[in-house]
């Protein structure tokens, strides 16, 4: 479950914006996250909800590289975990 943190500085919101925020929270209440790590330095950079699709560009806070990723390639799967464990054992 995703935990929303209240902003430090809050601006006035319209009733329509409040309705959309509440709707968004209800839609994602039972969704799981997919973590994404920087391919250069392997630091955890961002979490995706399981239904996100498309391309995303982000800047790594550690190595300062700008990385472009396709979220479709970062699905969590059992087979990917097996391959990762095998790869780490052979190193």
PDB file of N, CA and C in Angstrom:
ATOM      1  N   UNK A   1       0.837  -1.182   0.000  1.00  0.00           N
ATOM      2  CA  UNK A   1       0.000   0.000   0.000  1.00  0.00           C
ATOM      3  C   UNK A   1       0.875   1.237   0.000  1.00  0.00           C
ATOM      4  N   UNK A   2       0.512   2.194  -0.779  1.00  0.00           N
ATOM      5  CA  UNK A   2       1.250   3.439  -0.905  1.00  0.00           C
ATOM      6  C   UNK A   2       0.830   4.401   0.191  1.00  0.00           C
ATOM      7  N   UNK A   3       1.785   5.026   0.831  1.00  0.00           N
ATOM      8  CA  UNK A   3       1.493   5.985   1.898  1.00  0.00           C
ATOM      9  C   UNK A   3       1.753   7.379   1.366  1.00  0.00           C
ATOM     10  N   UNK A   4       0.738   8.210   1.385  1.00  0.00           N
ATOM     11  CA  UNK A   4       0.888   9.596   0.950  1.00  0.00           C
ATOM     12  C   UNK A   4       1.392  10.424   2.127  1.00  0.00           C
ATOM     13  N   UNK A   5       2.355  11.280   1.861  1.00  0.00           N
ATOM     14  CA  UNK A   5       2.898  12.171   2.878  1.00  0.00           C
ATOM     15  C   UNK A   5       2.388  13.577   2.591  1.00  0.00           C
ATOM     16  N   UNK A   6       1.884  14.227   3.614  1.00  0.00           N
ATOM     17  CA  UNK A   6       1.342  15.572   3.446  1.00  0.00           C
ATOM     18  C   UNK A   6       2.458  16.540   3.071  1.00  0.00           C
ATOM     19  N   UNK A   7       2.228  17.410   2.098  1.00  0.00           N
ATOM     20  CA  UNK A   7       3.253  18.371   1.702  1.00  0.00           C
ATOM     21  C   UNK A   7       3.569  19.350   2.824  1.00  0.00           C
ATOM     22  N   UNK A   8       4.796  19.841   2.818  1.00  0.00           N
ATOM     23  CA  UNK A   8       5.197  20.797   3.834  1.00  0.00           C
ATOM     24  C   UNK A   8       4.463  22.128   3.651  1.00  0.00           C
ATOM     25  N   UNK A   9       4.298  22.541   2.406  1.00  0.00           N
ATOM     26  CA  UNK A   9       3.576  23.769   2.101  1.00  0.00           C
ATOM     27  C   UNK A   9       2.386  23.400   1.241  1.00  0.00           C
ATOM     28  N   UNK A  10       1.210  23.698   1.702  1.00  0.00           N
ATOM     29  CA  UNK A  10       0.010  23.282   0.994  1.00  0.00           C
ATOM     30  C   UNK A  10      -0.686  24.497   0.388  1.00  0.00           C
ATOM     31  N   UNK A  11      -1.010  24.383  -0.879  1.00  0.00           N
ATOM     32  CA  UNK A  11      -1.726  25.435  -1.594  1.00  0.00           C
ATOM     33  C   UNK A  11      -3.219  25.126  -1.558  1.00  0.00           C
ATOM     34  N   UNK A  12      -4.069  26.137  -1.660  1.00  0.00           N
ATOM     35  CA  UNK A  12      -5.517  25.875  -1.694  1.00  0.00           C
ATOM     36  C   UNK A  12      -5.889  25.038  -2.915  1.00  0.00           C
ATOM     37  N   UNK A  13      -6.807  24.089  -2.718  1.00  0.00           N
ATOM     38  CA  UNK A  13      -7.234  23.213  -3.808  1.00  0.00           C
ATOM     39  C   UNK A  13      -8.721  23.425  -4.073  1.00  0.00           C
ATOM     40  N   UNK A  14      -9.065  23.273  -5.337  1.00  0.00           N
ATOM     41  CA  UNK A  14     -10.474  23.360  -5.706  1.00  0.00           C
ATOM     42  C   UNK A  14     -11.162  22.036  -5.356  1.00  0.00           C
ATOM     43  N   UNK A  15     -12.473  22.031  -5.209  1.00  0.00           N
ATOM     44  CA  UNK A  15     -13.180  20.773  -4.944  1.00  0.00           C
ATOM     45  C   UNK A  15     -12.957  19.726  -6.039  1.00  0.00           C
ATOM     46  N   UNK A  16     -12.804  20.164  -7.275  1.00  0.00           N
ATOM     47  CA  UNK A  16     -12.545  19.239  -8.385  1.00  0.00           C
ATOM     48  C   UNK A  16     -11.182  18.557  -8.221  1.00  0.00           C
ATOM     49  N   UNK A  17     -10.169  19.315  -7.808  1.00  0.00           N
ATOM     50  CA  UNK A  17      -8.841  18.756  -7.589  1.00  0.00           C
ATOM     51  C   UNK A  17      -8.866  17.759  -6.431  1.00  0.00           C
ATOM     52  N   UNK A  18      -9.563  18.087  -5.365  1.00  0.00           N
ATOM     53  CA  UNK A  18      -9.686  17.189  -4.220  1.00  0.00           C
ATOM     54  C   UNK A  18     -10.375  15.889  -4.630  1.00  0.00           C
ATOM     55  N   UNK A  19     -11.407  15.994  -5.453  1.00  0.00           N
ATOM     56  CA  UNK A  19     -12.115  14.809  -5.939  1.00  0.00           C
ATOM     57  C   UNK A  19     -11.184  13.926  -6.765  1.00  0.00           C
ATOM     58  N   UNK A  20     -10.388  14.527  -7.648  1.00  0.00           N
ATOM     59  CA  UNK A  20      -9.455  13.767  -8.483  1.00  0.00           C
ATOM     60  C   UNK A  20      -8.365  13.101  -7.643  1.00  0.00           C
ATOM     61  N   UNK A  21      -7.873  13.792  -6.616  1.00  0.00           N
ATOM     62  CA  UNK A  21      -6.862  13.203  -5.738  1.00  0.00           C
ATOM     63  C   UNK A  21      -7.421  12.012  -4.971  1.00  0.00           C
ATOM     64  N   UNK A  22      -8.626  12.149  -4.459  1.00  0.00           N
ATOM     65  CA  UNK A  22      -9.258  11.041  -3.737  1.00  0.00           C
ATOM     66  C   UNK A  22      -9.513   9.850  -4.657  1.00  0.00           C
ATOM     67  N   UNK A  23      -9.947  10.125  -5.876  1.00  0.00           N
ATOM     68  CA  UNK A  23     -10.190   9.062  -6.855  1.00  0.00           C
ATOM     69  C   UNK A  23      -8.881   8.339  -7.198  1.00  0.00           C
ATOM     70  N   UNK A  24      -7.811   9.110  -7.385  1.00  0.00           N
ATOM     71  CA  UNK A  24      -6.507   8.521  -7.694  1.00  0.00           C
ATOM     72  C   UNK A  24      -6.030   7.632  -6.556  1.00  0.00           C
ATOM     73  N   UNK A  25      -6.225   8.092  -5.330  1.00  0.00           N
ATOM     74  CA  UNK A  25      -5.815   7.300  -4.176  1.00  0.00           C
ATOM     75  C   UNK A  25      -6.596   5.987  -4.107  1.00  0.00           C
ATOM     76  N   UNK A  26      -7.891   6.039  -4.359  1.00  0.00           N
ATOM     77  CA  UNK A  26      -8.713   4.833  -4.313  1.00  0.00           C
ATOM     78  C   UNK A  26      -8.321   3.836  -5.410  1.00  0.00           C
ATOM     79  N   UNK A  27      -7.965   4.342  -6.592  1.00  0.00           N
ATOM     80  CA  UNK A  27      -7.584   3.462  -7.702  1.00  0.00           C
ATOM     81  C   UNK A  27      -6.275   2.722  -7.423  1.00  0.00           C
ATOM     82  N   UNK A  28      -5.368   3.335  -6.695  1.00  0.00           N
ATOM     83  CA  UNK A  28      -4.043   2.745  -6.463  1.00  0.00           C
ATOM     84  C   UNK A  28      -3.914   2.081  -5.102  1.00  0.00           C
ATOM     85  N   UNK A  29      -4.992   1.984  -4.358  1.00  0.00           N
ATOM     86  CA  UNK A  29      -4.935   1.484  -2.989  1.00  0.00           C
ATOM     87  C   UNK A  29      -4.365   0.070  -2.903  1.00  0.00           C
ATOM     88  N   UNK A  30      -4.715  -0.808  -3.824  1.00  0.00           N
ATOM     89  CA  UNK A  30      -4.280  -2.202  -3.763  1.00  0.00           C
ATOM     90  C   UNK A  30      -3.212  -2.566  -4.785  1.00  0.00           C
ATOM     91  N   UNK A  31      -2.621  -1.591  -5.438  1.00  0.00           N
ATOM     92  CA  UNK A  31      -1.593  -1.870  -6.444  1.00  0.00           C
ATOM     93  C   UNK A  31      -0.238  -2.083  -5.792  1.00  0.00           C
ATOM     94  N   UNK A  32       0.631  -2.810  -6.500  1.00  0.00           N
ATOM     95  CA  UNK A  32       1.986  -3.066  -6.025  1.00  0.00           C
ATOM     96  C   UNK A  32       2.963  -2.171  -6.778  1.00  0.00           C
ATOM     97  N   UNK A  33       4.159  -2.058  -6.212  1.00  0.00           N
ATOM     98  CA  UNK A  33       5.214  -1.247  -6.816  1.00  0.00           C
ATOM     99  C   UNK A  33       6.203  -2.117  -7.576  1.00  0.00           C
ATOM    100  N   UNK A  34       6.848  -1.478  -8.542  1.00  0.00           N
ATOM    101  CA  UNK A  34       7.985  -2.078  -9.231  1.00  0.00           C
ATOM    102  C   UNK A  34       9.163  -1.142  -9.011  1.00  0.00           C
ATOM    103  N   UNK A  35      10.232  -1.589  -8.363  1.00  0.00           N
ATOM    104  CA  UNK A  35      11.382  -0.707  -8.164  1.00  0.00           C
ATOM    105  C   UNK A  35      12.229  -0.612  -9.432  1.00  0.00           C
ATOM    106  N   UNK A  36      12.857   0.529  -9.638  1.00  0.00           N
ATOM    107  CA  UNK A  36      13.776   0.723 -10.759  1.00  0.00           C
ATOM    108  C   UNK A  36      15.086   1.239 -10.181  1.00  0.00           C
ATOM    109  N   UNK A  37      16.181   0.621 -10.635  1.00  0.00           N
ATOM    110  CA  UNK A  37      17.501   0.980 -10.174  1.00  0.00           C
ATOM    111  C   UNK A  37      18.286   1.611 -11.316  1.00  0.00           C
ATOM    112  N   UNK A  38      19.187   2.517 -10.978  1.00  0.00           N
ATOM    113  CA  UNK A  38      20.032   3.150 -11.991  1.00  0.00           C
ATOM    114  C   UNK A  38      20.917   2.083 -12.630  1.00  0.00           C
ATOM    115  N   UNK A  39      20.957   2.000 -13.963  1.00  0.00           N
ATOM    116  CA  UNK A  39      21.795   0.982 -14.601  1.00  0.00           C
ATOM    117  C   UNK A  39      23.289   1.251 -14.447  1.00  0.00           C
ATOM    118  N   UNK A  40      23.672   2.480 -14.118  1.00  0.00           N
ATOM    119  CA  UNK A  40      25.090   2.811 -13.964  1.00  0.00           C
ATOM    120  C   UNK A  40      25.626   2.483 -12.573  1.00  0.00           C
ATOM    121  N   UNK A  41      24.917   2.934 -11.524  1.00  0.00           N
ATOM    122  CA  UNK A  41      25.446   2.777 -10.165  1.00  0.00           C
ATOM    123  C   UNK A  41      24.592   1.871  -9.287  1.00  0.00           C
ATOM    124  N   UNK A  42      23.494   1.337  -9.808  1.00  0.00           N
ATOM    125  CA  UNK A  42      22.614   0.376  -9.134  1.00  0.00           C
ATOM    126  C   UNK A  42      21.911   0.929  -7.886  1.00  0.00           C
ATOM    127  N   UNK A  43      21.771   2.232  -7.770  1.00  0.00           N
ATOM    128  CA  UNK A  43      21.053   2.819  -6.644  1.00  0.00           C
ATOM    129  C   UNK A  43      19.555   2.834  -6.958  1.00  0.00           C
ATOM    130  N   UNK A  44      18.718   2.653  -5.943  1.00  0.00           N
ATOM    131  CA  UNK A  44      17.263   2.693  -6.130  1.00  0.00           C
ATOM    132  C   UNK A  44      16.865   4.130  -6.463  1.00  0.00           C
ATOM    133  N   UNK A  45      16.180   4.316  -7.584  1.00  0.00           N
ATOM    134  CA  UNK A  45      15.854   5.649  -8.047  1.00  0.00           C
ATOM    135  C   UNK A  45      14.373   5.968  -7.911  1.00  0.00           C
ATOM    136  N   UNK A  46      13.516   5.039  -8.320  1.00  0.00           N
ATOM    137  CA  UNK A  46      12.094   5.349  -8.371  1.00  0.00           C
ATOM    138  C   UNK A  46      11.289   4.058  -8.264  1.00  0.00           C
ATOM    139  N   UNK A  47      10.045   4.179  -7.827  1.00  0.00           N
ATOM    140  CA  UNK A  47       9.098   3.065  -7.811  1.00  0.00           C
ATOM    141  C   UNK A  47       7.958   3.385  -8.768  1.00  0.00           C
ATOM    142  N   UNK A  48       7.537   2.367  -9.525  1.00  0.00           N
ATOM    143  CA  UNK A  48       6.391   2.505 -10.412  1.00  0.00           C
ATOM    144  C   UNK A  48       5.237   1.702  -9.852  1.00  0.00           C
ATOM    145  N   UNK A  49       4.024   2.140 -10.120  1.00  0.00           N
ATOM    146  CA  UNK A  49       2.880   1.283  -9.889  1.00  0.00           C
ATOM    147  C   UNK A  49       2.857   0.256 -11.000  1.00  0.00           C
ATOM    148  N   UNK A  50       2.242  -0.888 -10.748  1.00  0.00           N
ATOM    149  CA  UNK A  50       2.288  -1.999 -11.690  1.00  0.00           C
ATOM    150  C   UNK A  50       1.581  -1.722 -13.009  1.00  0.00           C
ATOM    151  N   UNK A  51       0.740  -0.688 -13.085  1.00  0.00           N
ATOM    152  CA  UNK A  51       0.005  -0.438 -14.317  1.00  0.00           C
ATOM    153  C   UNK A  51       0.628   0.643 -15.194  1.00  0.00           C
ATOM    154  N   UNK A  52       1.753   1.200 -14.816  1.00  0.00           N
ATOM    155  CA  UNK A  52       2.339   2.300 -15.590  1.00  0.00           C
ATOM    156  C   UNK A  52       2.981   1.754 -16.866  1.00  0.00           C
ATOM    157  N   UNK A  53       2.833   2.486 -17.949  1.00  0.00           N
ATOM    158  CA  UNK A  53       3.448   2.132 -19.224  1.00  0.00           C
ATOM    159  C   UNK A  53       4.031   3.393 -19.850  1.00  0.00           C
ATOM    160  N   UNK A  54       5.008   3.199 -20.703  1.00  0.00           N
ATOM    161  CA  UNK A  54       5.574   4.329 -21.420  1.00  0.00           C
ATOM    162  C   UNK A  54       7.041   4.547 -21.091  1.00  0.00           C
ATOM    163  N   UNK A  55       7.556   5.658 -21.565  1.00  0.00           N
ATOM    164  CA  UNK A  55       8.959   6.005 -21.382  1.00  0.00           C
ATOM    165  C   UNK A  55       9.088   7.060 -20.288  1.00  0.00           C
ATOM    166  N   UNK A  56      10.227   7.031 -19.609  1.00  0.00           N
ATOM    167  CA  UNK A  56      10.465   7.945 -18.512  1.00  0.00           C
ATOM    168  C   UNK A  56      11.933   8.335 -18.511  1.00  0.00           C
ATOM    169  N   UNK A  57      12.204   9.603 -18.321  1.00  0.00           N
ATOM    170  CA  UNK A  57      13.575  10.082 -18.189  1.00  0.00           C
ATOM    171  C   UNK A  57      13.748  10.575 -16.758  1.00  0.00           C
ATOM    172  N   UNK A  58      14.848  10.197 -16.124  1.00  0.00           N
ATOM    173  CA  UNK A  58      15.115  10.669 -14.773  1.00  0.00           C
ATOM    174  C   UNK A  58      16.608  10.881 -14.588  1.00  0.00           C
ATOM    175  N   UNK A  59      16.948  11.693 -13.594  1.00  0.00           N
ATOM    176  CA  UNK A  59      18.339  11.964 -13.273  1.00  0.00           C
ATOM    177  C   UNK A  59      18.684  11.227 -11.991  1.00  0.00           C
ATOM    178  N   UNK A  60      19.742  10.440 -12.031  1.00  0.00           N
ATOM    179  CA  UNK A  60      20.169   9.674 -10.867  1.00  0.00           C
ATOM    180  C   UNK A  60      20.796  10.620  -9.846  1.00  0.00           C
ATOM    181  N   UNK A  61      20.362  10.559  -8.593  1.00  0.00           N
ATOM    182  CA  UNK A  61      20.931  11.461  -7.588  1.00  0.00           C
ATOM    183  C   UNK A  61      22.366  11.115  -7.183  1.00  0.00           C
ATOM    184  N   UNK A  62      22.814   9.886  -7.490  1.00  0.00           N
ATOM    185  CA  UNK A  62      24.161   9.488  -7.091  1.00  0.00           C
ATOM    186  C   UNK A  62      25.192   9.748  -8.192  1.00  0.00           C
ATOM    187  N   UNK A  63      24.964   9.166  -9.382  1.00  0.00           N
ATOM    188  CA  UNK A  63      25.959   9.303 -10.450  1.00  0.00           C
ATOM    189  C   UNK A  63      25.690  10.496 -11.359  1.00  0.00           C
ATOM    190  N   UNK A  64      24.565  11.184 -11.169  1.00  0.00           N
ATOM    191  CA  UNK A  64      24.175  12.391 -11.916  1.00  0.00           C
ATOM    192  C   UNK A  64      23.939  12.140 -13.402  1.00  0.00           C
ATOM    193  N   UNK A  65      23.762  10.878 -13.783  1.00  0.00           N
ATOM    194  CA  UNK A  65      23.468  10.558 -15.167  1.00  0.00           C
ATOM    195  C   UNK A  65      21.977  10.703 -15.446  1.00  0.00           C
ATOM    196  N   UNK A  66      21.634  11.108 -16.652  1.00  0.00           N
ATOM    197  CA  UNK A  66      20.239  11.166 -17.068  1.00  0.00           C
ATOM    198  C   UNK A  66      19.944   9.904 -17.859  1.00  0.00           C
ATOM    199  N   UNK A  67      18.959   9.167 -17.383  1.00  0.00           N
ATOM    200  CA  UNK A  67      18.668   7.856 -17.945  1.00  0.00           C
ATOM    201  C   UNK A  67      17.271   7.865 -18.546  1.00  0.00           C
ATOM    202  N   UNK A  68      17.118   7.281 -19.724  1.00  0.00           N
ATOM    203  CA  UNK A  68      15.825   7.112 -20.374  1.00  0.00           C
ATOM    204  C   UNK A  68      15.481   5.630 -20.334  1.00  0.00           C
ATOM    205  N   UNK A  69      14.301   5.298 -19.796  1.00  0.00           N
ATOM    206  CA  UNK A  69      13.902   3.901 -19.723  1.00  0.00           C
ATOM    207  C   UNK A  69      12.495   3.727 -20.264  1.00  0.00           C
ATOM    208  N   UNK A  70      12.221   2.526 -20.740  1.00  0.00           N
ATOM    209  CA  UNK A  70      10.879   2.127 -21.124  1.00  0.00           C
ATOM    210  C   UNK A  70      10.354   1.278 -19.972  1.00  0.00           C
ATOM    211  N   UNK A  71       9.272   1.691 -19.357  1.00  0.00           N
ATOM    212  CA  UNK A  71       8.772   0.992 -18.173  1.00  0.00           C
ATOM    213  C   UNK A  71       8.316  -0.424 -18.476  1.00  0.00           C
ATOM    214  N   UNK A  72       8.034  -0.749 -19.721  1.00  0.00           N
ATOM    215  CA  UNK A  72       7.618  -2.100 -20.087  1.00  0.00           C
ATOM    216  C   UNK A  72       8.741  -3.110 -19.861  1.00  0.00           C
ATOM    217  N   UNK A  73       9.997  -2.654 -19.879  1.00  0.00           N
ATOM    218  CA  UNK A  73      11.124  -3.561 -19.694  1.00  0.00           C
ATOM    219  C   UNK A  73      11.433  -3.823 -18.223  1.00  0.00           C
ATOM    220  N   UNK A  74      10.744  -3.161 -17.325  1.00  0.00           N
ATOM    221  CA  UNK A  74      11.053  -3.284 -15.909  1.00  0.00           C
ATOM    222  C   UNK A  74       9.942  -3.981 -15.142  1.00  0.00           C
ATOM    223  N   UNK A  75       9.282  -4.960 -15.781  1.00  0.00           N
ATOM    224  CA  UNK A  75       8.259  -5.745 -15.099  1.00  0.00           C
ATOM    225  C   UNK A  75       8.943  -6.723 -14.158  1.00  0.00           C
ATOM    226  N   UNK A  76       8.352  -6.930 -13.014  1.00  0.00           N
ATOM    227  CA  UNK A  76       8.860  -7.905 -12.066  1.00  0.00           C
ATOM    228  C   UNK A  76       8.342  -9.275 -12.462  1.00  0.00           C
ATOM    229  N   UNK A  77       9.223 -10.234 -12.549  1.00  0.00           N
ATOM    230  CA  UNK A  77       8.778 -11.587 -12.865  1.00  0.00           C
ATOM    231  C   UNK A  77       9.649 -12.601 -12.130  1.00  0.00           C
ATOM    232  N   UNK A  78       9.106 -13.772 -11.934  1.00  0.00           N
ATOM    233  CA  UNK A  78       9.824 -14.829 -11.235  1.00  0.00           C
ATOM    234  C   UNK A  78      11.083 -15.217 -12.011  1.00  0.00           C
ATOM    235  N   UNK A  79      10.972 -15.344 -13.322  1.00  0.00           N
ATOM    236  CA  UNK A  79      12.111 -15.750 -14.151  1.00  0.00           C
ATOM    237  C   UNK A  79      13.227 -14.719 -14.093  1.00  0.00           C
ATOM    238  N   UNK A  80      12.885 -13.451 -14.032  1.00  0.00           N
ATOM    239  CA  UNK A  80      13.912 -12.409 -13.961  1.00  0.00           C
ATOM    240  C   UNK A  80      14.686 -12.520 -12.658  1.00  0.00           C
ATOM    241  N   UNK A  81      14.003 -12.870 -11.567  1.00  0.00           N
ATOM    242  CA  UNK A  81      14.683 -13.047 -10.293  1.00  0.00           C
ATOM    243  C   UNK A  81      15.649 -14.207 -10.324  1.00  0.00           C
ATOM    244  N   UNK A  82      15.279 -15.291 -10.994  1.00  0.00           N
ATOM    245  CA  UNK A  82      16.159 -16.454 -11.126  1.00  0.00           C
ATOM    246  C   UNK A  82      17.391 -16.071 -11.936  1.00  0.00           C
ATOM    247  N   UNK A  83      17.188 -15.381 -13.052  1.00  0.00           N
ATOM    248  CA  UNK A  83      18.328 -14.964 -13.878  1.00  0.00           C
ATOM    249  C   UNK A  83      19.259 -14.051 -13.095  1.00  0.00           C
ATOM    250  N   UNK A  84      18.704 -13.129 -12.302  1.00  0.00           N
ATOM    251  CA  UNK A  84      19.535 -12.199 -11.535  1.00  0.00           C
ATOM    252  C   UNK A  84      20.356 -12.948 -10.494  1.00  0.00           C
ATOM    253  N   UNK A  85      19.733 -13.888  -9.778  1.00  0.00           N
ATOM    254  CA  UNK A  85      20.462 -14.646  -8.768  1.00  0.00           C
ATOM    255  C   UNK A  85      21.565 -15.484  -9.418  1.00  0.00           C
ATOM    256  N   UNK A  86      21.284 -16.077 -10.585  1.00  0.00           N
ATOM    257  CA  UNK A  86      22.285 -16.863 -11.295  1.00  0.00           C
ATOM    258  C   UNK A  86      23.444 -15.975 -11.733  1.00  0.00           C
ATOM    259  N   UNK A  87      23.129 -14.804 -12.232  1.00  0.00           N
ATOM    260  CA  UNK A  87      24.158 -13.869 -12.689  1.00  0.00           C
ATOM    261  C   UNK A  87      25.042 -13.444 -11.525  1.00  0.00           C
ATOM    262  N   UNK A  88      24.442 -13.164 -10.368  1.00  0.00           N
ATOM    263  CA  UNK A  88      25.225 -12.738  -9.211  1.00  0.00           C
ATOM    264  C   UNK A  88      26.106 -13.861  -8.676  1.00  0.00           C
ATOM    265  N   UNK A  89      25.669 -15.117  -8.786  1.00  0.00           N
ATOM    266  CA  UNK A  89      26.464 -16.253  -8.330  1.00  0.00           C
ATOM    267  C   UNK A  89      27.685 -16.476  -9.210  1.00  0.00           C
ATOM    268  N   UNK A  90      27.542 -16.218 -10.507  1.00  0.00           N
ATOM    269  CA  UNK A  90      28.629 -16.481 -11.458  1.00  0.00           C
ATOM    270  C   UNK A  90      29.658 -15.366 -11.507  1.00  0.00           C
ATOM    271  N   UNK A  91      29.407 -14.298 -10.839  1.00  0.00           N
ATOM    272  CA  UNK A  91      30.348 -13.169 -10.878  1.00  0.00           C
ATOM    273  C   UNK A  91      31.499 -13.362  -9.948  1.00  0.00           C
TER     274      UNK A  91
END
